[in-house]
C-alpha atoms as a PDB file:
ATOM      1  CA  MET A   1       6.234  87.699  28.884  1.00  0.00           C
ATOM      2  CA  ASN A   2       2.546  87.789  29.922  1.00  0.00           C
ATOM      3  CA  SER A   3       2.239  91.710  30.780  1.00  0.00           C
ATOM      4  CA  ILE A   4      -1.132  90.813  32.446  1.00  0.00           C
ATOM      5  CA  ASN A   5      -0.186  88.345  35.537  1.00  0.00           C
ATOM      6  CA  PRO A   6       3.916  88.206  36.452  1.00  0.00           C
ATOM      7  CA  GLU A   7       3.378  84.831  38.417  1.00  0.00           C
ATOM      8  CA  LEU A   8       1.531  83.212  35.299  1.00  0.00           C
ATOM      9  CA  SER A   9       4.076  84.183  32.795  1.00  0.00           C
ATOM     10  CA  SER A  10       7.066  82.554  35.611  1.00  0.00           C
ATOM     11  CA  ARG A  11       5.127  79.787  36.229  1.00  0.00           C
ATOM     12  CA  ALA A  12       4.754  78.636  32.806  1.00  0.00           C
ATOM     13  CA  LYS A  13       8.495  78.771  32.668  1.00  0.00           C
ATOM     14  CA  ARG A  14       8.801  75.841  34.821  1.00  0.00           C
ATOM     15  CA  GLY A  15       6.129  73.874  33.077  1.00  0.00           C
ATOM     16  CA  ILE A  16       3.324  74.071  35.778  1.00  0.00           C
ATOM     17  CA  SER A  17       0.139  74.428  33.685  1.00  0.00           C
ATOM     18  CA  PRO A  18      -1.522  77.785  34.781  1.00  0.00           C
ATOM     19  CA  GLN A  19      -4.823  75.719  34.941  1.00  0.00           C
ATOM     20  CA  ASN A  20      -4.331  73.369  37.761  1.00  0.00           C
ATOM     21  CA  GLY A  21      -0.939  74.618  38.912  1.00  0.00           C
ATOM     22  CA  MET A  22       0.702  71.012  37.936  1.00  0.00           C
ATOM     23  CA  LYS A  23       3.459  70.548  36.151  1.00  0.00           C
ATOM     24  CA  ARG A  24       3.201  69.281  31.993  1.00  0.00           C
ATOM     25  CA  LYS A  25       4.946  66.416  31.154  1.00  0.00           C
ATOM     26  CA  LYS A  26       7.620  66.437  28.226  1.00  0.00           C
ATOM     27  CA  SER A  27       6.519  64.736  25.518  1.00  0.00           C
ATOM     28  CA  ILE A  28       7.929  61.052  24.993  1.00  0.00           C
ATOM     29  CA  LEU A  29       9.143  61.676  21.118  1.00  0.00           C
ATOM     30  CA  LYS A  30      10.596  65.099  21.936  1.00  0.00           C
ATOM     31  CA  SER A  31      12.469  63.574  25.621  1.00  0.00           C
ATOM     32  CA  SER A  32      13.488  60.858  23.567  1.00  0.00           C
ATOM     33  CA  GLY A  33      15.604  62.984  20.811  1.00  0.00           C
ATOM     34  CA  ARG A  34      13.166  62.095  17.454  1.00  0.00           C
ATOM     35  CA  SER A  35      10.952  64.705  16.094  1.00  0.00           C
ATOM     36  CA  ASP A  36       7.421  63.979  15.521  1.00  0.00           C
ATOM     37  CA  ARG A  37       7.256  64.905  11.422  1.00  0.00           C
ATOM     38  CA  GLY A  38       7.651  61.373   9.895  1.00  0.00           C
ATOM     39  CA  PHE A  39       9.665  58.538   8.772  1.00  0.00           C
ATOM     40  CA  THR A  40      12.753  58.512   8.119  1.00  0.00           C
ATOM     41  CA  LEU A  41      14.418  57.134   5.350  1.00  0.00           C
ATOM     42  CA  ILE A  42      15.880  54.125   6.752  1.00  0.00           C
ATOM     43  CA  GLU A  43      12.534  53.060   7.636  1.00  0.00           C
ATOM     44  CA  VAL A  44      10.549  53.727   4.731  1.00  0.00           C
ATOM     45  CA  LEU A  45      13.396  51.534   2.781  1.00  0.00           C
ATOM     46  CA  ILE A  46      12.756  48.631   5.229  1.00  0.00           C
ATOM     47  CA  ALA A  47       9.196  48.584   4.879  1.00  0.00           C
ATOM     48  CA  LEU A  48       9.851  48.655   1.115  1.00  0.00           C
ATOM     49  CA  THR A  49      12.185  45.984   1.562  1.00  0.00           C
ATOM     50  CA  ILE A  50       9.667  43.781   3.944  1.00  0.00           C
ATOM     51  CA  LEU A  51       6.370  43.882   1.351  1.00  0.00           C
ATOM     52  CA  ALA A  52       8.558  43.576  -1.292  1.00  0.00           C
ATOM     53  CA  VAL A  53      10.116  40.330   0.026  1.00  0.00           C
ATOM     54  CA  GLY A  54       5.846  39.250   0.774  1.00  0.00           C
ATOM     55  CA  PHE A  55       5.135  40.227  -3.043  1.00  0.00           C
ATOM     56  CA  LEU A  56       7.966  37.602  -4.153  1.00  0.00           C
ATOM     57  CA  ALA A  57       7.226  34.953  -2.096  1.00  0.00           C
ATOM     58  CA  VAL A  58       3.186  35.442  -3.518  1.00  0.00           C
ATOM     59  CA  ALA A  59       4.349  35.851  -6.612  1.00  0.00           C
ATOM     60  CA  LYS A  60       6.649  32.444  -6.162  1.00  0.00           C
ATOM     61  CA  MET A  61       3.241  30.819  -4.557  1.00  0.00           C
ATOM     62  CA  GLN A  62       1.473  31.491  -7.761  1.00  0.00           C
ATOM     63  CA  ILE A  63       4.261  30.444  -9.901  1.00  0.00           C
ATOM     64  CA  THR A  64       4.257  26.852  -8.519  1.00  0.00           C
ATOM     65  CA  GLY A  65       0.519  26.567  -8.069  1.00  0.00           C
ATOM     66  CA  LEU A  66       0.023  27.121 -11.836  1.00  0.00           C
ATOM     67  CA  MET A  67       2.510  24.352 -12.680  1.00  0.00           C
ATOM     68  CA  SER A  68       1.018  22.160  -9.749  1.00  0.00           C
ATOM     69  CA  ASN A  69      -2.484  22.738 -11.916  1.00  0.00           C
ATOM     70  CA  GLN A  70      -1.256  21.978 -15.579  1.00  0.00           C
ATOM     71  CA  TYR A  71       0.851  18.731 -14.202  1.00  0.00           C
ATOM     72  CA  ALA A  72      -2.667  17.721 -13.079  1.00  0.00           C
ATOM     73  CA  MET A  73      -4.430  18.605 -15.737  1.00  0.00           C
ATOM     74  CA  VAL A  74      -1.884  16.286 -18.033  1.00  0.00           C
ATOM     75  CA  LEU A  75      -2.592  13.370 -15.783  1.00  0.00           C
ATOM     76  CA  THR A  76      -6.523  13.921 -15.804  1.00  0.00           C
ATOM     77  CA  GLU A  77      -6.684  14.215 -19.337  1.00  0.00           C
ATOM     78  CA  GLY A  78      -3.632  10.932 -19.914  1.00  0.00           C
ATOM     79  CA  THR A  79      -6.189   8.988 -16.929  1.00  0.00           C
ATOM     80  CA  THR A  80      -9.084  10.064 -19.237  1.00  0.00           C
ATOM     81  CA  TRP A  81      -7.911   8.687 -22.540  1.00  0.00           C
ATOM     82  CA  LEU A  82      -6.780   5.378 -21.106  1.00  0.00           C
ATOM     83  CA  GLN A  83     -10.485   4.733 -19.234  1.00  0.00           C
ATOM     84  CA  ASP A  84     -11.978   5.137 -22.412  1.00  0.00           C
ATOM     85  CA  ARG A  85      -9.634   3.077 -24.424  1.00  0.00           C
ATOM     86  CA  MET A  86     -10.122   0.298 -21.356  1.00  0.00           C
ATOM     87  CA  GLU A  87     -14.297   1.005 -21.673  1.00  0.00           C
ATOM     88  CA  MET A  88     -13.269  -0.015 -25.285  1.00  0.00           C
ATOM     89  CA  LEU A  89     -11.536  -2.816 -25.140  1.00  0.00           C
ATOM     90  CA  MET A  90     -14.342  -4.207 -22.205  1.00  0.00           C
ATOM     91  CA  GLY A  91     -17.061  -3.931 -24.326  1.00  0.00           C
ATOM     92  CA  LEU A  92     -15.629  -5.702 -27.832  1.00  0.00           C
ATOM     93  CA  PRO A  93     -16.481  -9.771 -28.110  1.00  0.00           C
ATOM     94  CA  PHE A  94     -14.422 -12.399 -26.298  1.00  0.00           C
ATOM     95  CA  ASP A  95     -12.677 -13.305 -29.136  1.00  0.00           C
ATOM     96  CA  ASP A  96     -12.123 -10.373 -30.753  1.00  0.00           C
ATOM     97  CA  SER A  97      -8.620  -9.945 -32.297  1.00  0.00           C
ATOM     98  CA  ARG A  98      -7.654  -7.297 -30.381  1.00  0.00           C
ATOM     99  CA  LEU A  99      -8.064  -9.265 -27.005  1.00  0.00           C
ATOM    100  CA  ALA A 100      -6.368 -11.968 -28.839  1.00  0.00           C
ATOM    101  CA  ILE A 101      -3.284 -13.641 -26.773  1.00  0.00           C
ATOM    102  CA  THR A 102      -0.937 -14.718 -29.408  1.00  0.00           C
ATOM    103  CA  ASP A 103       2.379 -13.850 -29.332  1.00  0.00           C
ATOM    104  CA  GLU A 104       2.964 -12.145 -32.617  1.00  0.00           C
ATOM    105  CA  ASN A 105       0.177  -9.216 -31.417  1.00  0.00           C
ATOM    106  CA  ASN A 106       1.032  -9.162 -27.599  1.00  0.00           C
ATOM    107  CA  PRO A 107       1.445  -6.050 -26.616  1.00  0.00           C
ATOM    108  CA  HIS A 108      -1.039  -4.333 -28.787  1.00  0.00           C
ATOM    109  CA  VAL A 109      -0.873  -1.080 -29.609  1.00  0.00           C
ATOM    110  CA  ASP A 110      -3.441   1.669 -30.336  1.00  0.00           C
ATOM    111  CA  GLU A 111      -3.329   2.656 -34.027  1.00  0.00           C
ATOM    112  CA  ASP A 112      -5.376   5.909 -33.086  1.00  0.00           C
ATOM    113  CA  PRO A 113      -3.705   7.270 -30.472  1.00  0.00           C
ATOM    114  CA  PRO A 114      -4.958  11.118 -28.949  1.00  0.00           C
ATOM    115  CA  GLU A 115      -1.755  13.181 -30.653  1.00  0.00           C
ATOM    116  CA  GLY A 116       1.283  13.359 -28.118  1.00  0.00           C
ATOM    117  CA  TYR A 117       0.057  10.234 -26.511  1.00  0.00           C
ATOM    118  CA  THR A 118       1.447   6.348 -27.254  1.00  0.00           C
ATOM    119  CA  ILE A 119      -1.133   3.471 -25.592  1.00  0.00           C
ATOM    120  CA  LYS A 120      -0.415  -0.684 -25.654  1.00  0.00           C
ATOM    121  CA  TRP A 121      -2.525  -3.419 -23.558  1.00  0.00           C
ATOM    122  CA  THR A 122      -1.530  -7.241 -23.218  1.00  0.00           C
ATOM    123  CA  VAL A 123      -3.881  -9.458 -22.653  1.00  0.00           C
ATOM    124  CA  VAL A 124      -3.673 -12.515 -20.158  1.00  0.00           C
ATOM    125  CA  ASP A 125      -5.960 -15.926 -20.492  1.00  0.00           C
ATOM    126  CA  LEU A 126      -6.566 -15.734 -16.338  1.00  0.00           C
ATOM    127  CA  ALA A 127      -6.734 -19.961 -17.099  1.00  0.00           C
ATOM    128  CA  ASP A 128      -3.556 -20.910 -15.341  1.00  0.00           C
ATOM    129  CA  ASP A 129      -5.056 -18.936 -12.333  1.00  0.00           C
ATOM    130  CA  GLY A 130      -7.311 -20.877 -12.316  1.00  0.00           C
ATOM    131  CA  ILE A 131     -10.088 -18.503 -13.635  1.00  0.00           C
ATOM    132  CA  ILE A 132     -11.992 -20.351 -16.108  1.00  0.00           C
ATOM    133  CA  ASP A 133     -13.077 -17.912 -19.814  1.00  0.00           C
ATOM    134  CA  ALA A 134     -11.228 -14.658 -18.025  1.00  0.00           C
ATOM    135  CA  LYS A 135      -8.817 -12.552 -19.724  1.00  0.00           C
ATOM    136  CA  LYS A 136      -6.651  -9.829 -17.781  1.00  0.00           C
ATOM    137  CA  VAL A 137      -6.054  -6.258 -19.354  1.00  0.00           C
ATOM    138  CA  THR A 138      -3.395  -4.168 -18.683  1.00  0.00           C
ATOM    139  CA  LEU A 139      -3.298  -0.877 -20.906  1.00  0.00           C
ATOM    140  CA  THR A 140      -0.315   1.570 -20.825  1.00  0.00           C
ATOM    141  CA  GLY A 141      -0.352   5.378 -21.706  1.00  0.00           C
ATOM    142  CA  GLN A 142       2.587   7.205 -22.112  1.00  0.00           C
ATOM    143  CA  TRP A 143       2.883  10.406 -23.424  1.00  0.00           C
ATOM    144  CA  LYS A 144       5.605  13.782 -22.566  1.00  0.00           C
ATOM    145  CA  ASN A 145       4.624  16.595 -20.262  1.00  0.00           C
ATOM    146  CA  ARG A 146       6.247  19.996 -21.551  1.00  0.00           C
ATOM    147  CA  PHE A 147       9.103  19.564 -19.901  1.00  0.00           C
ATOM    148  CA  GLY A 148       9.955  16.855 -21.896  1.00  0.00           C
ATOM    149  CA  THR A 149       9.938  14.173 -18.951  1.00  0.00           C
ATOM    150  CA  THR A 150       7.636  10.917 -19.929  1.00  0.00           C
ATOM    151  CA  GLN A 151       4.492  10.126 -17.972  1.00  0.00           C
ATOM    152  CA  ALA A 152       3.252   6.941 -17.810  1.00  0.00           C
ATOM    153  CA  VAL A 153      -0.240   5.378 -16.234  1.00  0.00           C
ATOM    154  CA  THR A 154      -1.448   1.846 -15.906  1.00  0.00           C
ATOM    155  CA  LEU A 155      -5.046   0.356 -15.563  1.00  0.00           C
ATOM    156  CA  GLN A 156      -5.401  -3.264 -15.231  1.00  0.00           C
ATOM    157  CA  GLY A 157      -9.053  -4.970 -16.274  1.00  0.00           C
ATOM    158  CA  ILE A 158     -10.705  -8.509 -16.082  1.00  0.00           C
ATOM    159  CA  LYS A 159     -12.501  -9.051 -19.709  1.00  0.00           C
ATOM    160  CA  ASN A 160     -14.717 -12.256 -18.767  1.00  0.00           C
ATOM    161  CA  SER A 161     -16.309 -14.608 -21.738  1.00  0.00           C
ATOM    162  CA  LEU A 162     -19.945 -13.764 -20.522  1.00  0.00           C
END
Protein backbone atom coordinates (compact mmCIF):
# COMPACT_ATOMS: atom_id res chain seq x y z
CA MET A 1 0.00 0.00 0.00
CA ASN A 2 1.14 3.50 -0.71
CA SER A 3 1.55 5.23 2.65
CA ILE A 4 2.31 8.62 1.12
CA ASN A 5 -0.99 9.16 -0.66
CA PRO A 6 -3.82 6.78 0.31
CA GLU A 7 -6.01 8.07 -2.55
CA LEU A 8 -3.44 6.97 -5.15
CA SER A 9 -3.34 3.47 -3.79
CA SER A 10 -7.15 3.08 -3.75
CA ARG A 11 -7.32 4.42 -7.33
CA ALA A 12 -4.68 1.88 -8.39
CA LYS A 13 -6.79 -0.92 -6.91
CA ARG A 14 -9.71 0.14 -9.09
CA GLY A 15 -7.53 0.23 -12.23
CA ILE A 16 -7.32 4.01 -12.52
CA SER A 17 -4.00 5.41 -13.64
CA PRO A 18 -2.56 7.99 -11.24
CA GLN A 19 -1.26 10.15 -14.12
CA ASN A 20 -4.45 10.97 -15.96
CA GLY A 21 -7.28 9.55 -13.89
CA MET A 22 -8.35 7.07 -16.63
CA LYS A 23 -8.96 3.37 -16.21
CA ARG A 24 -6.23 1.03 -17.49
CA LYS A 25 -7.24 -1.58 -20.04
CA LYS A 26 -6.40 -5.16 -19.28
CA SER A 27 -4.11 -7.07 -21.66
CA ILE A 28 -5.93 -8.90 -24.44
CA LEU A 29 -3.85 -12.02 -23.82
CA LYS A 30 -4.61 -12.08 -20.13
CA SER A 31 -8.30 -11.44 -20.70
CA SER A 32 -8.51 -14.46 -23.02
CA GLY A 33 -6.96 -16.70 -20.41
CA ARG A 34 -3.67 -17.18 -22.34
CA SER A 35 -0.21 -16.55 -21.14
CA ASP A 36 2.33 -14.47 -23.06
CA ARG A 37 5.24 -16.71 -22.10
CA GLY A 38 5.66 -18.45 -25.53
CA PHE A 39 4.28 -21.10 -27.86
CA THR A 40 2.54 -24.23 -26.72
CA LEU A 41 3.81 -27.67 -27.67
CA ILE A 42 0.85 -28.21 -30.01
CA GLU A 43 1.61 -24.97 -31.88
CA VAL A 44 5.24 -25.99 -32.32
CA LEU A 45 4.25 -29.47 -33.56
CA ILE A 46 1.79 -28.04 -36.07
CA ALA A 47 4.40 -25.60 -37.36
CA LEU A 48 6.98 -28.40 -37.71
CA THR A 49 4.47 -30.59 -39.55
CA ILE A 50 3.70 -27.83 -42.04
CA LEU A 51 7.41 -27.18 -42.52
CA ALA A 52 8.11 -30.91 -43.05
CA VAL A 53 5.36 -31.19 -45.69
CA GLY A 54 6.85 -28.19 -47.48
CA PHE A 55 10.33 -29.73 -47.45
CA LEU A 56 8.97 -33.03 -48.79
CA ALA A 57 7.25 -31.21 -51.65
CA VAL A 58 10.47 -29.41 -52.55
CA ALA A 59 12.43 -32.70 -52.41
CA LYS A 60 9.89 -34.39 -54.72
CA MET A 61 10.13 -31.46 -57.11
CA GLN A 62 13.92 -31.77 -57.19
CA ILE A 63 13.76 -35.51 -57.91
CA THR A 64 11.26 -34.97 -60.71
CA GLY A 65 13.43 -32.23 -62.18
CA LEU A 66 16.52 -34.44 -62.11
CA MET A 67 14.67 -37.31 -63.81
CA SER A 68 13.33 -34.98 -66.50
CA ASN A 69 16.81 -33.62 -67.14
CA GLN A 70 18.18 -37.17 -67.44
CA TYR A 71 15.45 -38.10 -69.94
CA ALA A 72 16.10 -34.95 -71.98
CA MET A 73 19.85 -35.58 -71.99
CA VAL A 74 19.46 -39.15 -73.30
CA LEU A 75 16.94 -38.05 -75.93
CA THR A 76 19.21 -35.23 -77.08
CA GLU A 77 22.19 -37.57 -77.22
CA GLY A 78 20.26 -40.12 -79.31
CA THR A 79 18.96 -37.45 -81.68
CA THR A 80 22.46 -36.02 -82.09
CA TRP A 81 23.84 -39.46 -83.01
CA LEU A 82 21.09 -39.87 -85.61
CA GLN A 83 21.67 -36.41 -87.07
CA ASP A 84 25.37 -37.24 -87.35
CA ARG A 85 24.56 -40.48 -89.22
CA MET A 86 22.08 -38.69 -91.47
CA GLU A 87 24.70 -36.09 -92.41
CA MET A 88 27.15 -38.90 -93.13
CA LEU A 89 24.61 -40.63 -95.40
CA MET A 90 23.72 -37.38 -97.18
CA GLY A 91 27.42 -36.78 -97.84
CA LEU A 92 27.88 -40.12 -99.62
CA PRO A 93 27.86 -40.38 -103.40
CA PHE A 94 24.40 -41.11 -104.88
CA ASP A 95 25.43 -44.62 -106.03
CA ASP A 96 27.20 -45.66 -102.78
CA SER A 97 26.38 -49.18 -101.51
CA ARG A 98 25.07 -47.76 -98.22
CA LEU A 99 22.36 -46.00 -100.23
CA ALA A 100 21.47 -49.05 -102.33
CA ILE A 101 17.80 -49.87 -102.78
CA THR A 102 18.06 -53.65 -103.17
CA ASP A 103 15.88 -55.83 -100.94
CA GLU A 104 18.72 -57.86 -99.40
CA ASN A 105 20.33 -54.87 -97.65
CA ASN A 106 17.27 -52.70 -97.05
CA PRO A 107 16.98 -51.83 -94.17
CA HIS A 108 20.63 -51.08 -93.75
CA VAL A 109 22.15 -51.55 -90.29
CA ASP A 110 24.91 -49.39 -88.84
CA GLU A 111 27.78 -51.76 -88.16
CA ASP A 112 29.51 -49.46 -85.70
CA PRO A 113 26.79 -47.71 -83.69
CA PRO A 114 27.49 -45.94 -80.39
CA GLU A 115 27.29 -48.26 -77.39
CA GLY A 116 23.71 -49.08 -76.47
CA TYR A 117 22.24 -47.78 -79.75
CA THR A 118 20.79 -49.57 -82.78
CA ILE A 119 20.73 -47.50 -85.96
CA LYS A 120 18.95 -48.65 -89.14
CA TRP A 121 17.92 -46.90 -92.32
CA THR A 122 15.85 -47.64 -95.38
CA VAL A 123 16.33 -46.15 -98.80
CA VAL A 124 13.42 -45.70 -101.22
CA ASP A 125 13.67 -44.55 -104.83
CA LEU A 126 11.40 -41.54 -105.40
CA ALA A 127 11.04 -42.23 -109.17
CA ASP A 128 7.70 -43.89 -108.42
CA ASP A 129 6.52 -40.55 -107.02
CA GLY A 130 7.66 -38.72 -110.16
CA ILE A 131 10.91 -37.42 -108.69
CA ILE A 132 13.83 -38.50 -110.83
CA ASP A 133 17.31 -39.10 -109.40
CA ALA A 134 16.27 -38.81 -105.76
CA LYS A 135 16.15 -41.22 -102.83
CA LYS A 136 14.33 -40.89 -99.53
CA VAL A 137 16.40 -42.03 -96.55
CA THR A 138 14.52 -42.91 -93.35
CA LEU A 139 16.88 -43.31 -90.41
CA THR A 140 15.71 -44.87 -87.14
CA GLY A 141 17.66 -45.10 -83.92
CA GLN A 142 16.69 -47.07 -80.82
CA TRP A 143 18.15 -47.33 -77.33
CA LYS A 144 17.05 -48.30 -73.86
CA ASN A 145 16.77 -45.66 -71.19
CA ARG A 146 17.85 -46.29 -67.61
CA PHE A 147 14.42 -47.76 -66.79
CA GLY A 148 14.76 -50.35 -69.57
CA THR A 149 12.16 -48.70 -71.80
CA THR A 150 13.03 -48.57 -75.50
CA GLN A 151 13.14 -45.09 -76.98
CA ALA A 152 13.27 -44.37 -80.69
CA VAL A 153 13.77 -41.39 -82.97
CA THR A 154 13.19 -41.33 -86.74
CA LEU A 155 14.67 -38.82 -89.20
CA GLN A 156 14.01 -38.51 -92.94
CA GLY A 157 16.04 -36.89 -95.65
CA ILE A 158 16.09 -36.65 -99.44
CA LYS A 159 19.30 -37.50 -101.29
CA ASN A 160 19.52 -36.25 -104.86
CA SER A 161 22.04 -37.21 -107.51
CA LEU A 162 23.59 -33.74 -107.79
